[in-house]
Amino acid sequence: MGETELVERARSGDQEAMGALYRAHASRVYTVVRRLAGDDALAEDLAQDAWIRAFRKLELFRGDSSFGTWMYRLATNMALNRLRRRGRRDEVEREADIVHAAGSLDEAVINQRMLAQALDRLPPGYRKVLVLHDVEGRTHEEIAELLGVAAGTSKSQLHKARARMRELLDPGETESEASTREV
């Protein structure tokens, strides 16, 4: 059964169709809200709220894009709006829980954990711009519109976010070394 048919069936209240749409897109939705939220529990709440809203507002889906694209954008916008209303979240200092025992974790897994932990430690404004630009591929103009800031602010925040990520990922590197490497 195609996505268009699933959407039509879901519009009429078909729980099976809703489940199929959820299974097809839940992972991607959770991933984007997790990156924006920086917190597992909050991301679960945001993703769940996005799915509830999507199924309640399914009649608004016009089919100009795929359901997945529409759902992804809805989840991103909901997460950004909720985080904006919530304000700055409390800074939670997390100690790296990377196991240093030889051979216990593959280097790629360690790097992925380090990156996720560094991303979680970014201030919310930096994290949002970094995720939207570097992960989601949005332009500064799109980010400015989504966040209600100037495009120049987006560029500045991105520059600061990248610098902070370098600092978090390599605390021994000085700022002058980082700027030299940027060139």
N, C-alpha and C. Protein backbone atom coordinates (compact mmCIF):
# COMPACT_ATOMS: atom_id res chain seq x y z
N MET A 1 0.85 -1.17 0.00
CA MET A 1 0.00 0.00 0.00
C MET A 1 0.90 1.24 0.00
N GLY A 2 0.61 2.20 -0.85
CA GLY A 2 1.41 3.40 -0.99
C GLY A 2 1.11 4.42 0.11
N GLU A 3 2.02 5.37 0.23
CA GLU A 3 1.89 6.39 1.26
C GLU A 3 0.62 7.24 1.06
N THR A 4 0.29 7.55 -0.18
CA THR A 4 -0.91 8.35 -0.46
C THR A 4 -2.16 7.64 0.06
N GLU A 5 -2.24 6.35 -0.20
CA GLU A 5 -3.38 5.58 0.28
C GLU A 5 -3.39 5.50 1.80
N LEU A 6 -2.21 5.34 2.40
CA LEU A 6 -2.13 5.31 3.87
C LEU A 6 -2.63 6.62 4.46
N VAL A 7 -2.24 7.73 3.87
CA VAL A 7 -2.67 9.03 4.37
C VAL A 7 -4.19 9.15 4.26
N GLU A 8 -4.75 8.74 3.14
CA GLU A 8 -6.21 8.82 2.96
C GLU A 8 -6.93 7.95 3.99
N ARG A 9 -6.42 6.76 4.20
CA ARG A 9 -7.04 5.87 5.19
C ARG A 9 -6.89 6.44 6.59
N ALA A 10 -5.72 7.02 6.89
CA ALA A 10 -5.50 7.62 8.21
C ALA A 10 -6.44 8.80 8.43
N ARG A 11 -6.69 9.56 7.38
CA ARG A 11 -7.64 10.69 7.48
C ARG A 11 -9.03 10.23 7.90
N SER A 12 -9.38 9.04 7.47
CA SER A 12 -10.71 8.52 7.81
C SER A 12 -10.69 7.77 9.14
N GLY A 13 -9.56 7.83 9.86
CA GLY A 13 -9.49 7.24 11.20
C GLY A 13 -8.96 5.83 11.26
N ASP A 14 -8.42 5.32 10.18
CA ASP A 14 -7.88 3.96 10.14
C ASP A 14 -6.62 3.87 11.00
N GLN A 15 -6.72 3.17 12.12
CA GLN A 15 -5.60 3.05 13.07
C GLN A 15 -4.41 2.29 12.46
N GLU A 16 -4.70 1.30 11.62
CA GLU A 16 -3.63 0.55 10.98
C GLU A 16 -2.80 1.45 10.07
N ALA A 17 -3.47 2.30 9.32
CA ALA A 17 -2.77 3.22 8.42
C ALA A 17 -1.94 4.21 9.23
N MET A 18 -2.51 4.70 10.33
CA MET A 18 -1.75 5.61 11.19
C MET A 18 -0.50 4.93 11.73
N GLY A 19 -0.66 3.67 12.14
CA GLY A 19 0.48 2.92 12.65
C GLY A 19 1.56 2.73 11.59
N ALA A 20 1.14 2.47 10.37
CA ALA A 20 2.10 2.28 9.27
C ALA A 20 2.86 3.58 8.99
N LEU A 21 2.15 4.70 9.00
CA LEU A 21 2.82 6.00 8.79
C LEU A 21 3.78 6.28 9.94
N TYR A 22 3.35 6.00 11.14
CA TYR A 22 4.21 6.21 12.31
C TYR A 22 5.48 5.35 12.20
N ARG A 23 5.32 4.07 11.93
CA ARG A 23 6.49 3.18 11.83
C ARG A 23 7.45 3.63 10.74
N ALA A 24 6.91 4.15 9.67
CA ALA A 24 7.76 4.56 8.54
C ALA A 24 8.57 5.82 8.85
N HIS A 25 8.07 6.68 9.73
CA HIS A 25 8.70 7.98 9.91
C HIS A 25 9.11 8.33 11.34
N ALA A 26 8.79 7.48 12.29
CA ALA A 26 9.03 7.79 13.71
C ALA A 26 10.51 8.02 14.01
N SER A 27 11.36 7.21 13.45
CA SER A 27 12.79 7.33 13.74
C SER A 27 13.35 8.68 13.30
N ARG A 28 13.00 9.09 12.11
CA ARG A 28 13.49 10.37 11.58
C ARG A 28 12.93 11.55 12.39
N VAL A 29 11.67 11.47 12.77
CA VAL A 29 11.04 12.53 13.56
C VAL A 29 11.74 12.63 14.92
N TYR A 30 11.93 11.49 15.57
CA TYR A 30 12.60 11.51 16.88
C TYR A 30 14.01 12.07 16.75
N THR A 31 14.72 11.67 15.73
CA THR A 31 16.11 12.12 15.56
C THR A 31 16.20 13.63 15.45
N VAL A 32 15.34 14.24 14.68
CA VAL A 32 15.43 15.70 14.52
C VAL A 32 15.05 16.41 15.81
N VAL A 33 14.01 15.97 16.50
CA VAL A 33 13.64 16.67 17.73
C VAL A 33 14.66 16.41 18.83
N ARG A 34 15.29 15.24 18.82
CA ARG A 34 16.35 14.95 19.81
C ARG A 34 17.53 15.87 19.61
N ARG A 35 17.90 16.08 18.37
CA ARG A 35 19.02 16.97 18.09
C ARG A 35 18.71 18.40 18.51
N LEU A 36 17.49 18.82 18.32
CA LEU A 36 17.11 20.18 18.69
C LEU A 36 16.96 20.33 20.20
N ALA A 37 16.40 19.32 20.84
CA ALA A 37 16.11 19.41 22.27
C ALA A 37 17.34 19.16 23.14
N GLY A 38 18.21 18.27 22.70
CA GLY A 38 19.38 17.96 23.49
C GLY A 38 19.07 17.12 24.72
N ASP A 39 17.93 16.48 24.75
CA ASP A 39 17.51 15.73 25.93
C ASP A 39 16.57 14.61 25.49
N ASP A 40 16.84 13.40 25.94
CA ASP A 40 16.05 12.25 25.51
C ASP A 40 14.58 12.35 25.92
N ALA A 41 14.32 12.65 27.18
CA ALA A 41 12.94 12.69 27.68
C ALA A 41 12.14 13.80 26.98
N LEU A 42 12.76 14.97 26.84
CA LEU A 42 12.08 16.07 26.16
C LEU A 42 11.82 15.71 24.71
N ALA A 43 12.78 15.07 24.07
CA ALA A 43 12.63 14.68 22.66
C ALA A 43 11.47 13.69 22.51
N GLU A 44 11.33 12.76 23.44
CA GLU A 44 10.22 11.81 23.37
C GLU A 44 8.88 12.54 23.47
N ASP A 45 8.81 13.51 24.40
CA ASP A 45 7.58 14.31 24.54
C ASP A 45 7.28 15.11 23.28
N LEU A 46 8.31 15.74 22.74
CA LEU A 46 8.13 16.55 21.53
C LEU A 46 7.70 15.70 20.35
N ALA A 47 8.34 14.55 20.19
CA ALA A 47 7.98 13.67 19.07
C ALA A 47 6.54 13.18 19.22
N GLN A 48 6.18 12.78 20.44
CA GLN A 48 4.81 12.31 20.67
C GLN A 48 3.80 13.41 20.37
N ASP A 49 4.09 14.62 20.84
CA ASP A 49 3.18 15.75 20.58
C ASP A 49 3.07 16.04 19.08
N ALA A 50 4.18 15.91 18.37
CA ALA A 50 4.16 16.14 16.93
C ALA A 50 3.28 15.11 16.23
N TRP A 51 3.37 13.85 16.64
CA TRP A 51 2.54 12.81 16.02
C TRP A 51 1.07 13.03 16.34
N ILE A 52 0.76 13.42 17.56
CA ILE A 52 -0.63 13.69 17.93
C ILE A 52 -1.18 14.82 17.07
N ARG A 53 -0.40 15.90 16.97
CA ARG A 53 -0.84 17.03 16.15
C ARG A 53 -0.99 16.62 14.69
N ALA A 54 -0.06 15.85 14.18
CA ALA A 54 -0.11 15.44 12.77
C ALA A 54 -1.39 14.67 12.48
N PHE A 55 -1.75 13.74 13.34
CA PHE A 55 -2.95 12.95 13.07
C PHE A 55 -4.23 13.76 13.29
N ARG A 56 -4.18 14.74 14.19
CA ARG A 56 -5.35 15.60 14.38
C ARG A 56 -5.51 16.59 13.22
N LYS A 57 -4.40 16.98 12.62
CA LYS A 57 -4.42 17.99 11.55
C LYS A 57 -4.15 17.38 10.17
N LEU A 58 -4.35 16.11 10.03
CA LEU A 58 -4.04 15.42 8.78
C LEU A 58 -4.78 16.00 7.58
N GLU A 59 -5.94 16.60 7.84
CA GLU A 59 -6.69 17.21 6.73
C GLU A 59 -5.93 18.40 6.14
N LEU A 60 -4.98 18.95 6.89
CA LEU A 60 -4.19 20.08 6.38
C LEU A 60 -3.08 19.63 5.43
N PHE A 61 -2.77 18.34 5.43
CA PHE A 61 -1.75 17.82 4.53
C PHE A 61 -2.31 17.82 3.12
N ARG A 62 -1.69 18.67 2.26
CA ARG A 62 -2.20 18.85 0.90
C ARG A 62 -1.58 17.89 -0.11
N GLY A 63 -0.49 17.26 0.26
CA GLY A 63 0.15 16.35 -0.67
C GLY A 63 1.13 17.02 -1.60
N ASP A 64 1.48 18.30 -1.33
CA ASP A 64 2.46 19.00 -2.17
C ASP A 64 3.85 18.36 -2.05
N SER A 65 4.09 17.72 -0.91
CA SER A 65 5.33 17.00 -0.67
C SER A 65 4.95 15.63 -0.14
N SER A 66 5.94 14.82 0.17
CA SER A 66 5.62 13.51 0.75
C SER A 66 5.13 13.71 2.18
N PHE A 67 4.43 12.73 2.70
CA PHE A 67 3.97 12.80 4.08
C PHE A 67 5.17 12.92 5.01
N GLY A 68 6.25 12.18 4.70
CA GLY A 68 7.45 12.22 5.54
C GLY A 68 8.04 13.61 5.63
N THR A 69 8.09 14.32 4.52
CA THR A 69 8.61 15.69 4.51
C THR A 69 7.71 16.61 5.32
N TRP A 70 6.40 16.47 5.13
CA TRP A 70 5.44 17.28 5.88
C TRP A 70 5.57 17.00 7.38
N MET A 71 5.65 15.73 7.75
CA MET A 71 5.75 15.35 9.16
C MET A 71 7.04 15.85 9.77
N TYR A 72 8.12 15.73 9.04
CA TYR A 72 9.44 16.18 9.49
C TYR A 72 9.42 17.69 9.76
N ARG A 73 8.84 18.43 8.84
CA ARG A 73 8.76 19.89 9.00
C ARG A 73 7.84 20.25 10.17
N LEU A 74 6.72 19.56 10.31
CA LEU A 74 5.80 19.80 11.42
C LEU A 74 6.52 19.55 12.75
N ALA A 75 7.25 18.45 12.85
CA ALA A 75 7.96 18.11 14.08
C ALA A 75 9.05 19.14 14.38
N THR A 76 9.78 19.55 13.37
CA THR A 76 10.83 20.55 13.55
C THR A 76 10.24 21.87 14.05
N ASN A 77 9.18 22.32 13.41
CA ASN A 77 8.55 23.58 13.81
C ASN A 77 7.96 23.49 15.22
N MET A 78 7.32 22.38 15.54
CA MET A 78 6.76 22.21 16.89
C MET A 78 7.87 22.24 17.94
N ALA A 79 8.96 21.53 17.66
CA ALA A 79 10.07 21.48 18.62
C ALA A 79 10.66 22.87 18.81
N LEU A 80 10.88 23.58 17.72
CA LEU A 80 11.44 24.93 17.82
C LEU A 80 10.51 25.86 18.60
N ASN A 81 9.21 25.78 18.32
CA ASN A 81 8.25 26.62 19.04
C ASN A 81 8.22 26.30 20.52
N ARG A 82 8.20 25.01 20.84
CA ARG A 82 8.16 24.61 22.25
C ARG A 82 9.44 25.04 22.96
N LEU A 83 10.57 24.85 22.32
CA LEU A 83 11.85 25.24 22.93
C LEU A 83 11.94 26.75 23.09
N ARG A 84 11.40 27.48 22.15
CA ARG A 84 11.39 28.93 22.23
C ARG A 84 10.55 29.38 23.42
N ARG A 85 9.38 28.77 23.57
CA ARG A 85 8.50 29.13 24.70
C ARG A 85 9.12 28.72 26.02
N ARG A 86 9.78 27.63 26.00
CA ARG A 86 10.38 27.09 27.23
C ARG A 86 11.53 27.97 27.70
N GLY A 87 12.14 28.68 26.77
CA GLY A 87 13.28 29.52 27.13
C GLY A 87 14.53 28.69 27.27
N ARG A 88 15.50 29.28 27.85
CA ARG A 88 16.77 28.57 28.03
C ARG A 88 16.57 27.45 29.03
N ARG A 89 16.94 26.27 28.62
CA ARG A 89 16.81 25.15 29.55
C ARG A 89 17.97 25.20 30.53
N ASP A 90 17.77 24.60 31.66
CA ASP A 90 18.83 24.57 32.66
C ASP A 90 20.05 23.88 32.08
N GLU A 91 21.19 24.45 32.39
CA GLU A 91 22.42 23.82 31.94
C GLU A 91 22.63 22.53 32.72
N VAL A 92 22.75 21.46 32.02
CA VAL A 92 22.98 20.18 32.67
C VAL A 92 24.39 19.75 32.29
N GLU A 93 25.23 19.71 33.28
CA GLU A 93 26.60 19.27 33.03
C GLU A 93 26.62 17.76 33.03
N ARG A 94 27.07 17.21 31.96
CA ARG A 94 27.16 15.76 31.86
C ARG A 94 28.62 15.36 31.76
N GLU A 95 28.96 14.41 32.54
CA GLU A 95 30.30 13.86 32.44
C GLU A 95 30.31 12.85 31.30
N ALA A 96 31.37 12.84 30.56
CA ALA A 96 31.47 11.88 29.47
C ALA A 96 31.46 10.48 30.06
N ASP A 97 30.60 9.64 29.53
CA ASP A 97 30.50 8.27 30.03
C ASP A 97 31.13 7.30 29.05
N ILE A 98 32.11 7.79 28.34
CA ILE A 98 32.77 6.95 27.34
C ILE A 98 33.66 5.93 28.04
N VAL A 99 33.48 4.73 27.66
CA VAL A 99 34.27 3.66 28.24
C VAL A 99 35.63 3.67 27.55
N HIS A 100 36.68 3.78 28.36
CA HIS A 100 38.02 3.85 27.79
C HIS A 100 38.69 2.47 27.73
N ALA A 101 37.98 1.47 28.13
CA ALA A 101 38.56 0.13 28.10
C ALA A 101 38.85 -0.25 26.65
N ALA A 102 40.03 -0.74 26.43
CA ALA A 102 40.45 -1.08 25.07
C ALA A 102 39.52 -2.11 24.46
N GLY A 103 39.10 -1.83 23.25
CA GLY A 103 38.28 -2.77 22.51
C GLY A 103 36.83 -2.85 22.95
N SER A 104 36.43 -2.09 23.96
CA SER A 104 35.06 -2.22 24.43
C SER A 104 34.06 -1.53 23.50
N LEU A 105 34.49 -0.45 22.84
CA LEU A 105 33.61 0.23 21.90
C LEU A 105 34.38 0.57 20.64
N ASP A 106 33.74 0.44 19.55
CA ASP A 106 34.31 0.80 18.27
C ASP A 106 34.57 2.31 18.24
N GLU A 107 35.61 2.76 17.58
CA GLU A 107 35.96 4.18 17.53
C GLU A 107 34.83 5.03 16.95
N ALA A 108 34.13 4.53 15.97
CA ALA A 108 33.01 5.29 15.39
C ALA A 108 31.91 5.51 16.42
N VAL A 109 31.65 4.51 17.24
CA VAL A 109 30.63 4.64 18.28
C VAL A 109 31.08 5.66 19.32
N ILE A 110 32.35 5.60 19.69
CA ILE A 110 32.89 6.57 20.65
C ILE A 110 32.78 7.98 20.09
N ASN A 111 33.16 8.16 18.84
CA ASN A 111 33.07 9.48 18.21
C ASN A 111 31.63 9.97 18.14
N GLN A 112 30.72 9.07 17.85
CA GLN A 112 29.30 9.44 17.78
C GLN A 112 28.80 9.89 19.16
N ARG A 113 29.19 9.18 20.20
CA ARG A 113 28.79 9.57 21.56
C ARG A 113 29.39 10.91 21.95
N MET A 114 30.66 11.09 21.63
CA MET A 114 31.32 12.35 21.96
C MET A 114 30.63 13.52 21.25
N LEU A 115 30.30 13.32 20.00
CA LEU A 115 29.63 14.35 19.22
C LEU A 115 28.25 14.66 19.80
N ALA A 116 27.49 13.62 20.14
CA ALA A 116 26.16 13.82 20.72
C ALA A 116 26.25 14.54 22.06
N GLN A 117 27.23 14.17 22.88
CA GLN A 117 27.39 14.82 24.18
C GLN A 117 27.80 16.28 24.01
N ALA A 118 28.68 16.55 23.07
CA ALA A 118 29.09 17.93 22.83
C ALA A 118 27.90 18.74 22.32
N LEU A 119 27.12 18.17 21.44
CA LEU A 119 25.94 18.85 20.91
C LEU A 119 24.95 19.16 22.04
N ASP A 120 24.78 18.21 22.95
CA ASP A 120 23.88 18.41 24.08
C ASP A 120 24.35 19.53 25.00
N ARG A 121 25.64 19.79 25.04
CA ARG A 121 26.19 20.81 25.93
C ARG A 121 26.20 22.21 25.33
N LEU A 122 25.86 22.31 24.05
CA LEU A 122 25.78 23.63 23.42
C LEU A 122 24.60 24.41 24.00
N PRO A 123 24.73 25.72 24.08
CA PRO A 123 23.55 26.52 24.45
C PRO A 123 22.45 26.27 23.40
N PRO A 124 21.19 26.31 23.83
CA PRO A 124 20.09 25.98 22.91
C PRO A 124 20.10 26.75 21.59
N GLY A 125 20.41 28.03 21.63
CA GLY A 125 20.43 28.82 20.39
C GLY A 125 21.48 28.33 19.43
N TYR A 126 22.67 28.05 19.94
CA TYR A 126 23.74 27.53 19.10
C TYR A 126 23.34 26.17 18.51
N ARG A 127 22.79 25.30 19.37
CA ARG A 127 22.44 23.94 18.95
C ARG A 127 21.39 24.00 17.83
N LYS A 128 20.38 24.84 17.99
CA LYS A 128 19.32 24.93 16.98
C LYS A 128 19.89 25.32 15.63
N VAL A 129 20.71 26.36 15.61
CA VAL A 129 21.27 26.84 14.34
C VAL A 129 22.20 25.79 13.74
N LEU A 130 23.04 25.18 14.56
CA LEU A 130 23.98 24.17 14.07
C LEU A 130 23.23 22.99 13.47
N VAL A 131 22.22 22.50 14.15
CA VAL A 131 21.44 21.37 13.65
C VAL A 131 20.70 21.75 12.37
N LEU A 132 20.04 22.89 12.40
CA LEU A 132 19.27 23.29 11.23
C LEU A 132 20.16 23.52 10.01
N HIS A 133 21.35 24.08 10.21
CA HIS A 133 22.23 24.37 9.07
C HIS A 133 23.08 23.16 8.68
N ASP A 134 23.86 22.64 9.61
CA ASP A 134 24.84 21.61 9.27
C ASP A 134 24.25 20.22 9.16
N VAL A 135 23.19 19.94 9.89
CA VAL A 135 22.59 18.62 9.84
C VAL A 135 21.42 18.59 8.87
N GLU A 136 20.54 19.58 8.98
CA GLU A 136 19.33 19.59 8.16
C GLU A 136 19.53 20.27 6.81
N GLY A 137 20.61 21.01 6.64
CA GLY A 137 20.90 21.64 5.37
C GLY A 137 20.08 22.88 5.06
N ARG A 138 19.54 23.51 6.07
CA ARG A 138 18.74 24.73 5.85
C ARG A 138 19.67 25.92 5.58
N THR A 139 19.15 26.90 4.84
CA THR A 139 19.92 28.12 4.58
C THR A 139 19.76 29.06 5.77
N HIS A 140 20.63 30.06 5.83
CA HIS A 140 20.53 31.03 6.92
C HIS A 140 19.21 31.80 6.85
N GLU A 141 18.72 32.02 5.66
CA GLU A 141 17.45 32.72 5.50
C GLU A 141 16.30 31.88 6.06
N GLU A 142 16.32 30.58 5.76
CA GLU A 142 15.30 29.68 6.30
C GLU A 142 15.38 29.61 7.83
N ILE A 143 16.58 29.52 8.33
CA ILE A 143 16.79 29.45 9.79
C ILE A 143 16.30 30.74 10.44
N ALA A 144 16.62 31.87 9.82
CA ALA A 144 16.18 33.16 10.35
C ALA A 144 14.66 33.21 10.45
N GLU A 145 14.00 32.72 9.41
CA GLU A 145 12.53 32.72 9.41
C GLU A 145 11.98 31.78 10.49
N LEU A 146 12.56 30.60 10.58
CA LEU A 146 12.10 29.62 11.57
C LEU A 146 12.28 30.11 13.01
N LEU A 147 13.42 30.75 13.27
CA LEU A 147 13.75 31.16 14.64
C LEU A 147 13.35 32.59 14.96
N GLY A 148 12.93 33.34 13.95
CA GLY A 148 12.54 34.73 14.18
C GLY A 148 13.73 35.63 14.48
N VAL A 149 14.83 35.39 13.79
CA VAL A 149 16.04 36.21 13.96
C VAL A 149 16.51 36.67 12.58
N ALA A 150 17.52 37.53 12.57
CA ALA A 150 18.10 37.97 11.30
C ALA A 150 19.03 36.88 10.75
N ALA A 151 19.21 36.86 9.43
CA ALA A 151 20.11 35.89 8.81
C ALA A 151 21.53 36.07 9.35
N GLY A 152 21.92 37.31 9.60
CA GLY A 152 23.25 37.57 10.17
C GLY A 152 23.41 36.95 11.56
N THR A 153 22.34 36.94 12.32
CA THR A 153 22.37 36.31 13.65
C THR A 153 22.57 34.81 13.49
N SER A 154 21.90 34.23 12.52
CA SER A 154 22.06 32.80 12.25
C SER A 154 23.52 32.49 11.89
N LYS A 155 24.11 33.31 11.04
CA LYS A 155 25.51 33.10 10.65
C LYS A 155 26.44 33.22 11.85
N SER A 156 26.20 34.22 12.66
CA SER A 156 27.03 34.43 13.85
C SER A 156 26.89 33.27 14.82
N GLN A 157 25.65 32.84 15.05
CA GLN A 157 25.40 31.73 15.98
C GLN A 157 26.06 30.45 15.46
N LEU A 158 26.01 30.23 14.15
CA LEU A 158 26.62 29.05 13.57
C LEU A 158 28.14 29.08 13.77
N HIS A 159 28.74 30.22 13.53
CA HIS A 159 30.18 30.36 13.72
C HIS A 159 30.55 30.06 15.17
N LYS A 160 29.81 30.62 16.11
CA LYS A 160 30.08 30.41 17.54
C LYS A 160 29.81 28.96 17.93
N ALA A 161 28.77 28.37 17.36
CA ALA A 161 28.43 26.98 17.67
C ALA A 161 29.54 26.04 17.21
N ARG A 162 30.05 26.27 16.01
CA ARG A 162 31.14 25.43 15.51
C ARG A 162 32.39 25.58 16.36
N ALA A 163 32.69 26.80 16.75
CA ALA A 163 33.86 27.03 17.61
C ALA A 163 33.69 26.33 18.95
N ARG A 164 32.49 26.42 19.51
CA ARG A 164 32.23 25.77 20.80
C ARG A 164 32.30 24.26 20.67
N MET A 165 31.80 23.71 19.56
CA MET A 165 31.88 22.26 19.33
C MET A 165 33.34 21.82 19.26
N ARG A 166 34.18 22.59 18.55
CA ARG A 166 35.60 22.24 18.48
C ARG A 166 36.21 22.24 19.88
N GLU A 167 35.84 23.22 20.66
CA GLU A 167 36.35 23.33 22.02
C GLU A 167 35.89 22.14 22.87
N LEU A 168 34.65 21.77 22.75
CA LEU A 168 34.12 20.66 23.52
C LEU A 168 34.71 19.32 23.08
N LEU A 169 34.96 19.19 21.78
CA LEU A 169 35.49 17.93 21.26
C LEU A 169 37.00 17.80 21.43
N ASP A 170 37.69 18.93 21.53
CA ASP A 170 39.14 18.92 21.72
C ASP A 170 39.51 20.02 22.70
N PRO A 171 39.28 19.79 24.01
CA PRO A 171 39.49 20.84 25.01
C PRO A 171 40.93 21.35 25.06
N GLY A 172 41.87 20.58 24.55
CA GLY A 172 43.27 21.00 24.58
C GLY A 172 43.62 22.01 23.50
N GLU A 173 42.75 22.16 22.51
CA GLU A 173 43.02 23.07 21.39
C GLU A 173 42.69 24.50 21.81
N THR A 174 43.61 25.40 21.54
CA THR A 174 43.37 26.80 21.88
C THR A 174 42.55 27.45 20.79
N GLU A 175 41.99 28.60 21.10
CA GLU A 175 41.16 29.30 20.12
C GLU A 175 41.97 29.71 18.91
N SER A 176 43.23 30.13 19.11
CA SER A 176 44.05 30.55 17.98
C SER A 176 44.36 29.35 17.06
N GLU A 177 44.54 28.16 17.64
CA GLU A 177 44.76 26.97 16.82
C GLU A 177 43.51 26.67 16.00
N ALA A 178 42.35 26.84 16.62
CA ALA A 178 41.08 26.56 15.93
C ALA A 178 40.88 27.54 14.78
N SER A 179 41.16 28.82 15.00
CA SER A 179 40.94 29.80 13.93
C SER A 179 41.96 29.62 12.82
N THR A 180 43.16 29.19 13.15
CA THR A 180 44.17 28.93 12.13
C THR A 180 43.74 27.76 11.26
N ARG A 181 43.17 26.74 11.88
CA ARG A 181 42.72 25.56 11.16
C ARG A 181 41.53 25.89 10.26
N GLU A 182 40.71 26.88 10.65
CA GLU A 182 39.53 27.26 9.87
C GLU A 182 39.89 27.80 8.51
N VAL A 183 41.00 28.49 8.42
CA VAL A 183 41.38 29.17 7.18
C VAL A 183 41.70 28.24 6.08
